[in-house]
Amino acid sequence: MKNKDILALSDAELLDKAKQEKEALGKLKLNHNVSPIENPIKIRDARKLVARLKTEATKRKNAKASK
């Protein structure tokens, strides 16, 4: 998911997407611990996506609080 796609999401969609991606990351980590996945870079990419989603949510929250 690109940053422009993240910016296009509404606040509710953003939080929902962050929750879904965090759950997917947990499953990916569990699967990797059980038997190594073919491409472990997927874990890093998923972790970064969760961070980008949470960062945008925090930016929006702080922007609303400062108004």
Protein backbone atom coordinates (compact mmCIF):
# COMPACT_ATOMS: atom_id res chain seq x y z
CA MET A 1 0.00 0.00 0.00
CA LYS A 2 1.45 3.31 -1.07
CA ASN A 3 1.37 6.51 0.95
CA LYS A 4 -1.09 8.14 -1.44
CA ASP A 5 -3.45 5.21 -0.82
CA ILE A 6 -3.06 5.68 2.93
CA LEU A 7 -3.83 9.39 2.64
CA ALA A 8 -7.00 8.60 0.68
CA LEU A 9 -8.45 6.52 3.53
CA SER A 10 -10.92 8.01 5.99
CA ASP A 11 -10.11 8.02 9.70
CA ALA A 12 -12.26 4.97 10.43
CA GLU A 13 -10.90 3.06 7.44
CA LEU A 14 -7.36 3.93 8.50
CA LEU A 15 -7.80 2.50 11.99
CA ASP A 16 -9.56 -0.58 10.63
CA LYS A 17 -6.82 -1.18 8.07
CA ALA A 18 -4.12 -0.79 10.75
CA LYS A 19 -5.88 -3.38 12.90
CA GLN A 20 -6.19 -5.82 9.98
CA GLU A 21 -2.55 -5.40 8.98
CA LYS A 22 -1.36 -5.88 12.55
CA GLU A 23 -3.30 -9.15 12.78
CA ALA A 24 -1.85 -10.26 9.44
CA LEU A 25 1.65 -9.42 10.70
CA GLY A 26 1.07 -11.56 13.79
CA LYS A 27 -0.03 -14.50 11.65
CA LEU A 28 2.95 -14.02 9.36
CA LYS A 29 5.35 -14.06 12.33
CA LEU A 30 3.68 -17.17 13.75
CA ASN A 31 3.93 -18.98 10.43
CA HIS A 32 7.58 -17.98 10.15
CA ASN A 33 8.31 -19.37 13.62
CA VAL A 34 6.63 -22.69 12.81
CA SER A 35 8.31 -23.15 9.46
CA PRO A 36 10.44 -20.50 7.74
CA ILE A 37 8.53 -18.63 5.07
CA GLU A 38 9.94 -18.36 1.58
CA ASN A 39 10.45 -14.59 1.67
CA PRO A 40 11.11 -13.20 5.18
CA ILE A 41 11.23 -9.66 3.75
CA LYS A 42 7.41 -9.82 3.81
CA ILE A 43 7.60 -9.52 7.61
CA ARG A 44 9.63 -6.33 7.37
CA ASP A 45 7.31 -4.86 4.75
CA ALA A 46 4.23 -5.69 6.82
CA ARG A 47 5.80 -4.12 9.92
CA LYS A 48 6.60 -0.94 8.00
CA LEU A 49 3.06 -0.76 6.60
CA VAL A 50 1.60 -0.99 10.11
CA ALA A 51 3.95 1.79 11.21
CA ARG A 52 2.94 4.02 8.27
CA LEU A 53 -0.76 3.48 9.03
CA LYS A 54 -0.30 4.25 12.72
CA THR A 55 1.81 7.32 11.94
CA GLU A 56 -0.88 8.76 9.68
CA ALA A 57 -3.54 8.05 12.31
CA THR A 58 -1.47 9.89 14.92
CA LYS A 59 -0.90 12.83 12.57
CA ARG A 60 -4.64 13.16 11.99
CA LYS A 61 -5.39 12.86 15.70
CA ASN A 62 -2.88 15.56 16.58
CA ALA A 63 -4.13 17.83 13.78
CA LYS A 64 -7.67 17.61 15.13
CA ALA A 65 -6.50 18.24 18.70
CA SER A 66 -4.58 21.37 17.72
CA LYS A 67 -7.56 23.00 16.00
